[in-house]
N, C-alpha and C. Protein backbone atom coordinates (compact mmCIF):
# COMPACT_ATOMS: atom_id res chain seq x y z
N MET A 1 0.57 -1.19 0.34
CA MET A 1 0.24 0.14 -0.10
C MET A 1 1.30 0.77 0.11
N ASN A 2 0.22 1.98 -0.76
CA ASN A 2 1.26 3.57 -1.35
C ASN A 2 1.02 4.17 -0.17
N THR A 3 1.06 4.85 0.48
CA THR A 3 1.04 5.86 2.32
C THR A 3 2.36 6.95 1.75
N TYR A 4 1.84 8.20 2.55
CA TYR A 4 1.80 9.87 1.59
C TYR A 4 2.27 10.54 3.29
N ARG A 5 2.86 10.61 3.36
CA ARG A 5 3.31 12.32 4.51
C ARG A 5 2.24 13.20 4.37
N PRO A 6 1.84 14.06 5.05
CA PRO A 6 0.80 14.78 4.69
C PRO A 6 1.32 15.83 3.50
N ASN A 7 3.10 16.71 3.79
CA ASN A 7 3.93 17.32 2.94
C ASN A 7 3.85 17.00 1.89
N GLU A 8 3.92 15.50 1.34
CA GLU A 8 4.10 14.88 0.19
C GLU A 8 2.29 14.95 -0.47
N PHE A 9 1.33 14.50 0.24
CA PHE A 9 0.05 14.33 -0.15
C PHE A 9 -0.59 15.90 -1.10
N ARG A 10 -0.35 17.17 0.23
CA ARG A 10 -0.51 18.60 -0.60
C ARG A 10 -0.36 19.05 -1.48
N LYS A 11 1.48 18.22 -2.56
CA LYS A 11 1.69 18.82 -2.70
C LYS A 11 0.30 18.34 -4.24
N LEU A 12 0.73 17.04 -3.87
CA LEU A 12 -0.38 15.59 -5.08
C LEU A 12 -1.55 16.39 -4.93
N ILE A 13 -2.20 16.46 -3.85
CA ILE A 13 -3.94 17.59 -4.25
C ILE A 13 -3.52 19.34 -4.96
N ALA A 14 -2.50 19.82 -4.18
CA ALA A 14 -2.59 21.23 -4.91
C ALA A 14 -3.12 21.91 -3.46
N LYS A 15 -3.03 21.37 -2.32
CA LYS A 15 -3.51 22.28 -0.86
C LYS A 15 -2.59 22.86 0.20
N SER A 16 -3.27 23.24 0.88
CA SER A 16 -1.59 23.70 2.42
C SER A 16 -1.94 22.79 3.73
N THR A 17 -0.57 21.83 3.83
CA THR A 17 -0.53 20.76 5.16
C THR A 17 -1.48 21.60 5.77
N HIS A 18 -2.09 23.32 6.17
CA HIS A 18 -3.27 23.65 7.14
C HIS A 18 -3.68 22.79 7.11
N THR A 19 -5.25 22.76 6.01
CA THR A 19 -6.09 22.09 4.59
C THR A 19 -6.09 20.79 5.81
N LEU A 20 -5.27 20.09 5.32
CA LEU A 20 -5.53 18.47 5.08
C LEU A 20 -5.54 18.70 6.62
N GLN A 21 -4.72 19.44 7.43
CA GLN A 21 -5.20 19.35 9.46
C GLN A 21 -6.44 19.53 9.48
N VAL A 22 -7.03 20.15 9.20
CA VAL A 22 -8.52 20.72 9.49
C VAL A 22 -9.12 20.27 8.57
N TRP A 23 -9.33 19.12 8.13
CA TRP A 23 -10.10 18.81 7.30
C TRP A 23 -9.67 16.94 7.96
N ASP A 24 -9.35 17.46 8.54
CA ASP A 24 -8.57 15.98 9.34
C ASP A 24 -9.75 16.20 10.47
N ARG A 25 -9.55 17.33 11.12
CA ARG A 25 -10.27 17.28 12.15
C ARG A 25 -11.74 17.07 12.00
N LYS A 26 -11.60 18.56 10.89
CA LYS A 26 -13.37 18.02 10.67
C LYS A 26 -14.22 16.91 10.26
N GLY A 27 -13.71 15.92 9.62
CA GLY A 27 -13.73 14.69 9.59
C GLY A 27 -14.58 14.08 7.30
N ILE A 28 -14.00 15.27 7.18
CA ILE A 28 -13.82 15.89 5.59
C ILE A 28 -12.31 14.35 5.52
N LEU A 29 -11.05 14.49 5.61
CA LEU A 29 -10.37 13.31 4.85
C LEU A 29 -9.55 13.42 6.13
N LYS A 30 -10.18 11.97 6.75
CA LYS A 30 -9.96 11.55 8.30
C LYS A 30 -8.16 10.89 7.61
N ALA A 31 -7.13 11.51 8.28
CA ALA A 31 -5.62 11.19 8.21
C ALA A 31 -5.44 9.48 8.89
N HIS A 32 -5.04 8.81 8.88
CA HIS A 32 -4.41 7.72 8.82
C HIS A 32 -3.84 8.05 9.96
N ARG A 33 -3.28 7.73 11.69
CA ARG A 33 -2.19 7.62 12.58
C ARG A 33 -0.89 6.50 12.17
N SER A 34 0.07 6.62 11.99
CA SER A 34 1.21 5.68 12.27
C SER A 34 1.31 5.17 13.92
N PRO A 35 1.17 4.00 14.32
CA PRO A 35 0.61 3.40 15.87
C PRO A 35 1.83 3.58 16.76
N PRO A 36 3.01 3.83 16.61
CA PRO A 36 3.73 3.61 17.17
C PRO A 36 4.51 5.87 18.07
N THR A 37 4.17 5.96 16.27
CA THR A 37 4.34 7.82 16.45
C THR A 37 3.41 8.75 16.51
N ASN A 38 1.69 8.56 16.28
CA ASN A 38 0.67 8.70 15.99
C ASN A 38 0.62 9.65 15.33
N ARG A 39 2.26 10.01 14.64
CA ARG A 39 1.87 10.95 12.65
C ARG A 39 0.96 10.58 12.00
N ARG A 40 0.76 11.70 11.55
CA ARG A 40 -0.62 11.51 10.23
C ARG A 40 -0.39 10.87 8.78
N PHE A 41 -0.88 10.25 8.16
CA PHE A 41 0.08 9.48 6.29
C PHE A 41 -1.91 8.91 6.04
N TYR A 42 -1.85 9.17 4.24
CA TYR A 42 -3.29 9.20 3.62
C TYR A 42 -2.15 8.03 3.11
N THR A 43 -3.09 7.37 2.43
CA THR A 43 -3.47 6.26 1.27
C THR A 43 -3.56 6.41 0.15
N HIS A 44 -3.06 6.10 -0.78
CA HIS A 44 -3.67 5.70 -2.35
C HIS A 44 -4.98 5.60 -2.37
N ASP A 45 -5.13 5.02 -1.97
CA ASP A 45 -6.85 5.69 -1.64
C ASP A 45 -7.60 6.40 -1.59
N GLN A 46 -7.17 7.31 -0.58
CA GLN A 46 -7.71 7.97 -0.28
C GLN A 46 -7.10 9.77 -1.48
N LEU A 47 -5.43 9.41 -2.18
CA LEU A 47 -5.78 10.70 -3.38
C LEU A 47 -6.60 9.99 -4.15
N SER A 48 -6.73 8.70 -4.87
CA SER A 48 -7.15 8.45 -5.87
C SER A 48 -9.04 9.62 -5.19
N GLU A 49 -9.28 8.92 -4.22
CA GLU A 49 -10.76 9.55 -4.09
C GLU A 49 -10.91 11.38 -4.06
N ILE A 50 -10.14 12.17 -4.12
CA ILE A 50 -9.72 13.26 -3.42
C ILE A 50 -9.53 13.69 -5.00
N LEU A 51 -9.19 13.23 -5.70
CA LEU A 51 -8.60 13.37 -7.36
C LEU A 51 -10.83 12.96 -8.15
N GLY A 52 -10.97 12.09 -7.72
CA GLY A 52 -12.14 11.56 -8.32
C GLY A 52 -11.84 10.77 -8.53
N ILE A 53 -10.61 9.70 -8.91
CA ILE A 53 -10.50 8.57 -9.56
C ILE A 53 -11.89 7.56 -9.70
N LYS A 54 -11.52 7.12 -8.17
CA LYS A 54 -12.13 6.48 -7.98
C LYS A 54 -14.30 6.32 -8.54
N GLU A 55 -14.74 7.66 -8.50
CA GLU A 55 -15.67 8.21 -9.11
C GLU A 55 -15.83 7.58 -10.18
N LYS A 56 -14.98 7.58 -10.48
CA LYS A 56 -14.56 8.05 -12.64
C LYS A 56 -14.65 6.11 -13.14
N GLN A 57 -14.02 5.73 -12.44
CA GLN A 57 -13.29 3.94 -12.25
C GLN A 57 -14.90 3.65 -12.21
N THR A 58 -15.59 4.09 -11.29
CA THR A 58 -16.89 3.47 -11.26
C THR A 58 -17.60 3.60 -12.25
N ARG A 59 -17.80 4.87 -12.74
CA ARG A 59 -18.37 4.90 -13.97
C ARG A 59 -18.42 4.54 -16.03
N GLY A 60 -17.53 3.09 -15.14
CA GLY A 60 -16.16 3.25 -16.87
C GLY A 60 -15.28 3.51 -17.19
N TYR A 61 -15.08 4.20 -16.92
CA TYR A 61 -13.84 5.29 -17.06
C TYR A 61 -12.72 4.73 -17.26
N GLN A 62 -11.10 4.61 -17.48
CA GLN A 62 -9.74 4.15 -17.68
C GLN A 62 -9.21 5.42 -18.07
N LEU A 63 -7.68 5.18 -17.19
CA LEU A 63 -7.32 6.56 -16.81
C LEU A 63 -6.18 6.23 -18.36
N LEU A 64 -6.13 6.96 -19.02
CA LEU A 64 -4.72 6.90 -20.05
C LEU A 64 -3.69 6.90 -19.98
N PRO A 65 -3.23 5.92 -19.23
CA PRO A 65 -1.33 5.20 -18.97
C PRO A 65 -0.92 6.88 -19.64
N LEU A 66 -0.78 7.01 -20.78
CA LEU A 66 1.08 8.03 -21.66
C LEU A 66 0.21 9.69 -21.53
N MET A 67 -1.34 10.12 -20.85
CA MET A 67 -1.89 11.04 -21.02
C MET A 67 -2.09 11.88 -19.80
N LYS A 68 -1.14 10.80 -18.89
CA LYS A 68 -0.49 11.85 -17.33
C LYS A 68 -0.81 13.32 -16.66
N PRO A 69 -0.46 13.86 -17.55
CA PRO A 69 -0.57 15.56 -17.00
C PRO A 69 -1.67 16.17 -17.34
N SER A 70 -2.21 15.47 -18.05
CA SER A 70 -3.66 15.61 -18.28
C SER A 70 -5.29 15.47 -18.03
N LEU A 71 -4.27 14.66 -17.13
CA LEU A 71 -5.15 13.57 -16.63
C LEU A 71 -6.12 13.24 -18.26
N LYS A 72 -6.08 12.64 -19.46
CA LYS A 72 -7.04 12.06 -20.35
C LYS A 72 -8.01 11.19 -18.99
N TRP A 73 -9.36 10.65 -19.79
CA TRP A 73 -10.16 9.61 -19.68
C TRP A 73 -10.82 9.30 -21.21
N ALA A 74 -10.68 7.95 -20.73
CA ALA A 74 -11.23 7.57 -21.94
C ALA A 74 -12.93 6.30 -21.21
N VAL A 75 -13.57 5.91 -22.22
CA VAL A 75 -14.63 5.15 -21.93
C VAL A 75 -14.52 3.86 -23.08
N ASP A 76 -15.08 2.72 -22.07
CA ASP A 76 -14.59 1.76 -22.54
C ASP A 76 -15.98 1.24 -24.07
């Protein structure tokens, strides 16, 4: 399972670390916590969900792999 530290995750979704902390407190996007240190981390599933990829995949869309910069979608 891919995991991301808050600083990595915020860059991927173009939000601030503060926004992630607020979302965590409000329950909008709950961060996972590592057991020994209680540090926040996010999963690849959360990244997919926040970017809307899961929703598009459930509607039959597939991400075209070579067109990542613009995230082009195609339907089978």
